[in-house]
Amino acid sequence: MQTELIRVSRTGAPATVDGFPPVIEEAGSNARFAYEEFFTTLDSPHTIDAYRRDLHRFLSHVHKLGLLLHQVTPKLVRAYIDNLTPVRPADPPLSAPTKKRVLAAIRRFFDFAVTRHAIPLNPALSVRGPKHRAVEGKTPQISVTQARTLLGSIDTANVIGLRDRAIIATLVYTGARVGAVAKLTLLNFYNDGDQWCFRFDEKGGKSREIPCRGDLQRLIREYVNAGKFADEKAGPIFRSAVRRERKLTIRAMTANDMCRMVKRRLKKAGLSLRISPHSFRVTVATDLLSQNVPLEDVQYLLGHADARTTKLYDRRRRQVTRNIVERISV
């Protein structure tokens, strides 16, 4: 093996030989085809990045053991998952969901390798990941009162404030993911003849229409008019800005831009920085379920394929538990 060609990246991923990890290169053209096909079938950029890191790290491990792709066994995969540690020793131990994601990336890749006749069998198919059953999600909730405080704390004397208020209001009043909000264009905000609606492009290639309530429509209109692009027929709704000049650019804000903006606004409002844009989805779910809105309706609003995922967003049980522990007489 040409070990002298191996380079190690700062992300912990192994080096590549002519664009492929050494184990893939040595396995032949079918393996290279399967490797390329594996990544082209993934929709989310975040999933692609995570699976690439996970798969590359595993293939680097196989290479260090001096094995070829077809020599990987279920026992090896299982031992790898059981003993997987963080790339940086100072980081906390890997959680069960993280290990399950790594196993999913490995198993999915080997499925393609089998389909493309690079190997005869999928060695990860029979491997079971660590047990993990989440009763309640870990995303911190922002209360209704805190959400109102956050919206009310934003200075709207300039277009940047109007934009930030409109973004946070969109997160609050639609329950959409921040990635979907970042993709909104002027064409995705339209009147269907009966009411104004959003057309969100969600992860997994899903497209969903969510009605825009009256107060949110007003906030967006105020922002768009102040930005002086109300007459445009296309282009992003939420645009990046030159903050010193308080002027908008023609470029769309990214999801990361919006996350950083929310953190800045939380800090100015004196609220916990543990709150994230995803926290608004938790608030939407908990608030609606508290009003006895049917679970399937909340599930549809949040775009969940499985009602069990929606239940993870329900924080009503935590409130009950808090009331119980406060009554302990000790």
Protein backbone atom coordinates (compact mmCIF):
# COMPACT_ATOMS: atom_id res chain seq x y z
CA MET A 1 0.00 0.00 0.00
CA GLN A 2 1.14 3.50 -0.78
CA THR A 3 1.11 4.79 2.78
CA GLU A 4 3.37 7.66 1.86
CA LEU A 5 0.44 9.24 0.03
CA ILE A 6 -1.74 9.46 3.12
CA ARG A 7 -2.48 12.94 4.44
CA VAL A 8 -4.56 13.72 7.51
CA SER A 9 -7.04 16.61 7.42
CA ARG A 10 -7.85 18.87 10.35
CA THR A 11 -11.37 17.37 10.51
CA GLY A 12 -10.03 13.91 11.25
CA ALA A 13 -10.87 12.59 7.78
CA PRO A 14 -8.22 10.51 6.05
CA ALA A 15 -6.26 11.60 3.06
CA THR A 16 -7.25 10.59 -0.42
CA VAL A 17 -5.40 9.18 -3.39
CA ASP A 18 -6.48 10.99 -6.58
CA GLY A 19 -9.68 12.09 -4.85
CA PHE A 20 -10.53 8.72 -3.26
CA PRO A 21 -9.63 7.23 0.12
CA PRO A 22 -6.82 4.66 -0.35
CA VAL A 23 -9.08 1.68 0.47
CA ILE A 24 -11.55 2.77 -2.22
CA GLU A 25 -8.78 3.35 -4.75
CA GLU A 26 -7.36 -0.11 -4.15
CA ALA A 27 -10.79 -1.78 -4.45
CA GLY A 28 -11.16 -0.86 -8.11
CA SER A 29 -13.50 1.01 -10.41
CA ASN A 30 -16.72 -0.49 -9.01
CA ALA A 31 -15.85 0.72 -5.53
CA ARG A 32 -15.00 4.17 -6.84
CA PHE A 33 -18.34 4.31 -8.65
CA ALA A 34 -20.19 3.24 -5.48
CA TYR A 35 -18.30 5.83 -3.44
CA GLU A 36 -19.27 8.67 -5.79
CA GLU A 37 -22.86 7.45 -6.09
CA PHE A 38 -23.19 7.26 -2.31
CA PHE A 39 -22.67 10.99 -1.88
CA THR A 40 -24.76 12.07 -4.87
CA THR A 41 -27.86 10.44 -3.35
CA LEU A 42 -27.73 12.58 -0.19
CA ASP A 43 -29.81 15.76 -0.23
CA SER A 44 -28.75 17.77 2.81
CA PRO A 45 -25.32 19.47 2.76
CA HIS A 46 -25.10 18.85 6.52
CA THR A 47 -25.75 15.14 6.05
CA ILE A 48 -23.18 14.97 3.25
CA ASP A 49 -20.53 16.61 5.45
CA ALA A 50 -21.32 14.40 8.46
CA TYR A 51 -21.42 11.16 6.44
CA ARG A 52 -18.22 12.07 4.62
CA ARG A 53 -16.37 12.58 7.89
CA ASP A 54 -17.82 9.40 9.37
CA LEU A 55 -17.08 7.23 6.34
CA HIS A 56 -13.60 8.63 5.77
CA ARG A 57 -12.62 8.04 9.36
CA PHE A 58 -13.79 4.42 9.16
CA LEU A 59 -12.00 3.82 5.85
CA SER A 60 -8.85 5.30 7.36
CA HIS A 61 -9.16 2.79 10.21
CA VAL A 62 -9.51 -0.06 7.72
CA HIS A 63 -6.46 1.20 5.83
CA LYS A 64 -4.37 1.37 9.01
CA LEU A 65 -5.27 -2.26 9.74
CA GLY A 66 -3.86 -3.22 6.34
CA LEU A 67 -7.18 -4.60 5.11
CA LEU A 68 -8.91 -4.38 1.75
CA LEU A 69 -12.54 -3.35 1.33
CA HIS A 70 -13.82 -6.91 0.86
CA GLN A 71 -12.00 -8.03 4.03
CA VAL A 72 -14.13 -5.86 6.33
CA THR A 73 -16.23 -8.10 8.59
CA PRO A 74 -19.25 -7.50 10.86
CA LYS A 75 -16.98 -8.13 13.86
CA LEU A 76 -14.64 -5.35 12.74
CA VAL A 77 -17.52 -2.89 12.19
CA ARG A 78 -19.02 -3.72 15.58
CA ALA A 79 -15.69 -3.28 17.39
CA TYR A 80 -15.14 0.02 15.58
CA ILE A 81 -18.51 1.42 16.66
CA ASP A 82 -18.13 0.17 20.25
CA ASN A 83 -14.67 1.73 20.65
CA LEU A 84 -15.29 4.93 18.70
CA THR A 85 -13.93 8.00 20.46
CA PRO A 86 -13.93 11.73 19.59
CA VAL A 87 -11.40 12.97 17.03
CA ARG A 88 -10.08 15.39 19.64
CA PRO A 89 -9.34 13.74 23.00
CA ALA A 90 -10.52 16.84 24.86
CA ASP A 91 -14.05 16.49 23.46
CA PRO A 92 -16.75 14.68 25.47
CA PRO A 93 -17.44 10.98 24.76
CA LEU A 94 -19.55 10.28 21.70
CA SER A 95 -23.25 9.87 22.38
CA ALA A 96 -25.31 6.87 21.30
CA PRO A 97 -27.10 8.89 18.55
CA THR A 98 -23.73 9.95 17.13
CA LYS A 99 -22.51 6.36 17.01
CA LYS A 100 -25.77 5.30 15.36
CA ARG A 101 -25.24 8.00 12.71
CA VAL A 102 -21.71 6.72 12.04
CA LEU A 103 -23.04 3.18 11.66
CA ALA A 104 -25.76 4.43 9.31
CA ALA A 105 -23.15 6.09 7.08
CA ILE A 106 -21.02 2.93 6.98
CA ARG A 107 -24.00 0.64 6.35
CA ARG A 108 -25.38 2.89 3.59
CA PHE A 109 -22.04 3.06 1.79
CA PHE A 110 -21.63 -0.72 1.83
CA ASP A 111 -25.14 -1.06 0.41
CA PHE A 112 -23.94 0.86 -2.64
CA ALA A 113 -20.73 -1.16 -2.77
CA VAL A 114 -22.75 -4.39 -2.89
CA THR A 115 -25.13 -3.02 -5.51
CA ARG A 116 -22.20 -2.03 -7.72
CA HIS A 117 -20.52 -5.42 -7.25
CA ALA A 118 -17.49 -4.01 -5.46
CA ILE A 119 -17.98 -6.49 -2.60
CA PRO A 120 -20.26 -9.54 -2.22
CA LEU A 121 -21.93 -8.75 1.14
CA ASN A 122 -22.59 -5.74 3.38
CA PRO A 123 -20.56 -6.33 6.58
CA ALA A 124 -22.46 -3.63 8.48
CA LEU A 125 -25.93 -4.98 7.73
CA SER A 126 -26.14 -7.25 10.78
CA VAL A 127 -24.42 -4.81 13.16
CA ARG A 128 -26.73 -3.16 15.67
CA GLY A 129 -25.95 0.25 17.05
CA PRO A 130 -26.01 1.21 20.72
CA LYS A 131 -29.45 1.33 22.31
CA HIS A 132 -30.94 4.77 22.57
CA ARG A 133 -34.52 5.72 23.28
CA ALA A 134 -35.29 9.41 23.57
CA VAL A 135 -38.46 10.23 25.49
CA GLU A 136 -37.94 13.96 25.13
CA GLY A 137 -35.68 15.97 22.83
CA LYS A 138 -32.66 17.89 24.10
CA THR A 139 -33.38 21.15 22.27
CA PRO A 140 -33.99 23.85 24.91
CA GLN A 141 -37.41 25.46 24.81
CA ILE A 142 -38.05 29.18 24.64
CA SER A 143 -41.23 30.05 26.50
CA VAL A 144 -44.03 32.10 24.99
CA THR A 145 -43.16 34.96 27.35
CA GLN A 146 -39.49 34.82 26.36
CA ALA A 147 -40.37 34.77 22.66
CA ARG A 148 -42.49 37.88 23.12
CA THR A 149 -39.66 39.52 25.06
CA LEU A 150 -37.22 38.70 22.27
CA LEU A 151 -39.44 40.12 19.54
CA GLY A 152 -40.17 43.24 21.59
CA SER A 153 -36.48 43.89 22.33
CA ILE A 154 -35.48 44.38 18.69
CA ASP A 155 -34.86 47.97 17.59
CA THR A 156 -36.80 48.36 14.35
CA ALA A 157 -35.63 51.90 13.55
CA ASN A 158 -33.55 50.48 10.70
CA VAL A 159 -33.90 47.80 8.06
CA ILE A 160 -31.60 45.37 9.90
CA GLY A 161 -33.88 45.37 12.92
CA LEU A 162 -36.94 44.94 10.72
CA ARG A 163 -35.26 42.01 8.98
CA ASP A 164 -34.24 40.29 12.21
CA ARG A 165 -37.70 40.71 13.70
CA ALA A 166 -39.28 39.27 10.54
CA ILE A 167 -36.94 36.25 10.61
CA ILE A 168 -37.61 35.44 14.26
CA ALA A 169 -41.35 35.98 13.75
CA THR A 170 -41.26 33.57 10.81
CA LEU A 171 -39.57 30.95 13.01
CA VAL A 172 -42.14 31.55 15.75
CA TYR A 173 -45.30 31.63 13.65
CA THR A 174 -44.54 28.84 11.17
CA GLY A 175 -42.41 26.37 13.16
CA ALA A 176 -40.19 26.02 10.09
CA ARG A 177 -36.57 24.93 10.28
CA VAL A 178 -34.04 27.72 10.01
CA GLY A 179 -32.58 26.10 6.87
CA ALA A 180 -35.97 26.34 5.16
CA VAL A 181 -36.43 29.97 6.25
CA ALA A 182 -33.00 30.83 4.80
CA LYS A 183 -34.08 29.43 1.41
CA LEU A 184 -37.19 31.60 1.15
CA THR A 185 -37.40 33.74 -1.97
CA LEU A 186 -39.93 36.38 -2.99
CA LEU A 187 -41.54 33.73 -5.19
CA ASN A 188 -42.03 31.53 -2.09
CA PHE A 189 -44.17 34.25 -0.45
CA TYR A 190 -47.35 34.64 -2.41
CA ASN A 191 -51.11 35.13 -2.34
CA ASP A 192 -52.98 32.00 -3.38
CA GLY A 193 -56.15 34.01 -3.99
CA ASP A 194 -57.45 33.41 -0.49
CA GLN A 195 -54.52 34.19 1.79
CA TRP A 196 -50.77 34.78 1.85
CA CYS A 197 -48.63 31.67 2.09
CA PHE A 198 -45.06 30.46 2.38
CA ARG A 199 -43.65 27.69 0.21
CA PHE A 200 -40.87 26.09 2.24
CA ASP A 201 -38.23 23.81 0.70
CA GLU A 202 -37.55 21.41 3.55
CA LYS A 203 -34.84 18.81 4.03
CA GLY A 204 -35.23 15.59 2.11
CA GLY A 205 -36.50 17.43 -0.95
CA LYS A 206 -39.91 18.08 0.65
CA SER A 207 -41.90 21.16 -0.27
CA ARG A 208 -44.61 22.44 2.08
CA GLU A 209 -47.10 25.30 2.00
CA ILE A 210 -47.84 27.06 5.29
CA PRO A 211 -50.33 29.95 5.59
CA CYS A 212 -48.95 33.27 6.78
CA ARG A 213 -50.90 34.80 9.63
CA GLY A 214 -51.85 38.47 9.40
CA ASP A 215 -49.38 39.92 11.89
CA LEU A 216 -46.47 38.02 10.35
CA GLN A 217 -47.50 39.23 6.88
CA ARG A 218 -47.37 42.81 8.19
CA LEU A 219 -43.89 42.34 9.69
CA ILE A 220 -42.53 40.93 6.45
CA ARG A 221 -44.12 43.69 4.40
CA GLU A 222 -42.60 46.36 6.65
CA TYR A 223 -39.17 44.79 6.22
CA VAL A 224 -39.45 44.29 2.45
CA ASN A 225 -40.69 47.85 1.93
CA ALA A 226 -37.86 49.26 4.07
CA GLY A 227 -35.39 47.17 2.07
CA LYS A 228 -36.72 48.74 -1.12
CA PHE A 229 -37.09 45.49 -3.02
CA ALA A 230 -40.87 45.09 -2.72
CA ASP A 231 -41.26 45.43 -6.50
CA GLU A 232 -38.79 42.66 -7.28
CA LYS A 233 -40.29 39.43 -8.59
CA ALA A 234 -37.47 37.15 -7.49
CA GLY A 235 -34.49 37.05 -5.19
CA PRO A 236 -34.12 36.07 -1.53
CA ILE A 237 -36.44 37.52 1.10
CA PHE A 238 -33.97 37.57 3.97
CA ARG A 239 -30.78 39.22 2.76
CA SER A 240 -27.39 39.68 4.30
CA ALA A 241 -26.31 43.18 5.21
CA VAL A 242 -23.35 45.46 5.64
CA ARG A 243 -24.04 46.10 9.31
CA ARG A 244 -21.89 49.20 9.64
CA GLU A 245 -23.77 50.86 6.82
CA ARG A 246 -27.06 49.17 7.74
CA LYS A 247 -27.69 48.35 4.12
CA LEU A 248 -28.87 45.09 2.59
CA THR A 249 -26.97 43.21 -0.07
CA ILE A 250 -28.48 41.07 -2.83
CA ARG A 251 -27.17 37.87 -1.22
CA ALA A 252 -29.35 35.59 0.89
CA MET A 253 -28.59 35.03 4.55
CA THR A 254 -27.46 31.48 5.23
CA ALA A 255 -28.86 29.31 8.01
CA ASN A 256 -25.63 29.90 9.96
CA ASP A 257 -26.04 33.66 9.50
CA MET A 258 -29.51 33.41 11.01
CA CYS A 259 -28.26 31.29 13.91
CA ARG A 260 -25.63 33.89 14.75
CA MET A 261 -28.20 36.67 14.46
CA VAL A 262 -30.55 34.90 16.88
CA LYS A 263 -27.69 34.52 19.39
CA ARG A 264 -26.92 38.25 19.15
CA ARG A 265 -30.57 39.13 19.70
CA LEU A 266 -30.86 36.71 22.63
CA LYS A 267 -27.82 38.30 24.28
CA LYS A 268 -29.22 41.81 23.87
CA ALA A 269 -32.55 40.67 25.31
CA GLY A 270 -30.85 39.08 28.32
CA LEU A 271 -32.09 35.59 27.46
CA SER A 272 -30.25 32.28 27.64
CA LEU A 273 -27.76 31.65 24.85
CA ARG A 274 -28.63 27.94 24.99
CA ILE A 275 -31.73 28.83 22.99
CA SER A 276 -31.37 28.27 19.26
CA PRO A 277 -33.58 28.74 16.18
CA HIS A 278 -34.70 25.13 16.64
CA SER A 279 -36.08 26.09 20.05
CA PHE A 280 -38.97 27.86 18.35
CA ARG A 281 -40.12 24.54 16.88
CA VAL A 282 -40.24 23.12 20.40
CA THR A 283 -42.29 26.11 21.56
CA VAL A 284 -44.71 25.79 18.64
CA ALA A 285 -45.26 22.07 19.30
CA THR A 286 -45.68 22.44 23.07
CA ASP A 287 -47.94 25.48 22.80
CA LEU A 288 -50.28 23.91 20.22
CA LEU A 289 -50.46 20.55 22.00
CA SER A 290 -51.27 22.42 25.24
CA GLN A 291 -54.26 23.91 23.40
CA ASN A 292 -55.41 20.38 22.48
CA VAL A 293 -54.53 20.75 18.82
CA PRO A 294 -54.47 17.17 17.43
CA LEU A 295 -51.03 15.59 17.31
CA GLU A 296 -51.36 14.80 13.59
CA ASP A 297 -52.02 18.49 12.83
CA VAL A 298 -48.92 19.59 14.75
CA GLN A 299 -46.97 16.84 13.03
CA TYR A 300 -48.05 18.16 9.62
CA LEU A 301 -47.15 21.74 10.54
CA LEU A 302 -43.65 20.74 11.64
CA GLY A 303 -43.17 18.48 8.62
CA HIS A 304 -42.40 15.32 10.58
CA ALA A 305 -42.78 11.99 8.81
CA ASP A 306 -43.36 10.21 12.11
CA ALA A 307 -45.56 11.35 15.02
CA ARG A 308 -42.95 9.98 17.43
CA THR A 309 -40.61 12.75 16.32
CA THR A 310 -43.27 15.37 17.06
CA LYS A 311 -43.72 13.93 20.57
CA LEU A 312 -40.02 14.60 21.26
CA TYR A 313 -40.81 18.31 20.93
CA ASP A 314 -43.53 18.21 23.59
CA ARG A 315 -42.27 19.75 26.85
CA ARG A 316 -45.52 19.54 28.84
CA ARG A 317 -44.28 16.55 30.84
CA ARG A 318 -41.22 18.52 31.94
CA GLN A 319 -43.50 21.22 33.39
CA VAL A 320 -45.47 18.59 35.31
CA THR A 321 -42.24 17.09 36.67
CA ARG A 322 -41.02 20.53 37.74
CA ASN A 323 -44.25 21.10 39.67
CA ILE A 324 -43.86 17.71 41.37
CA VAL A 325 -40.25 18.20 42.53
CA GLU A 326 -41.16 21.63 43.92
CA ARG A 327 -43.59 19.86 46.28
CA ILE A 328 -40.94 17.64 47.89
CA SER A 329 -41.03 18.48 51.59
CA VAL A 330 -37.35 17.99 52.43
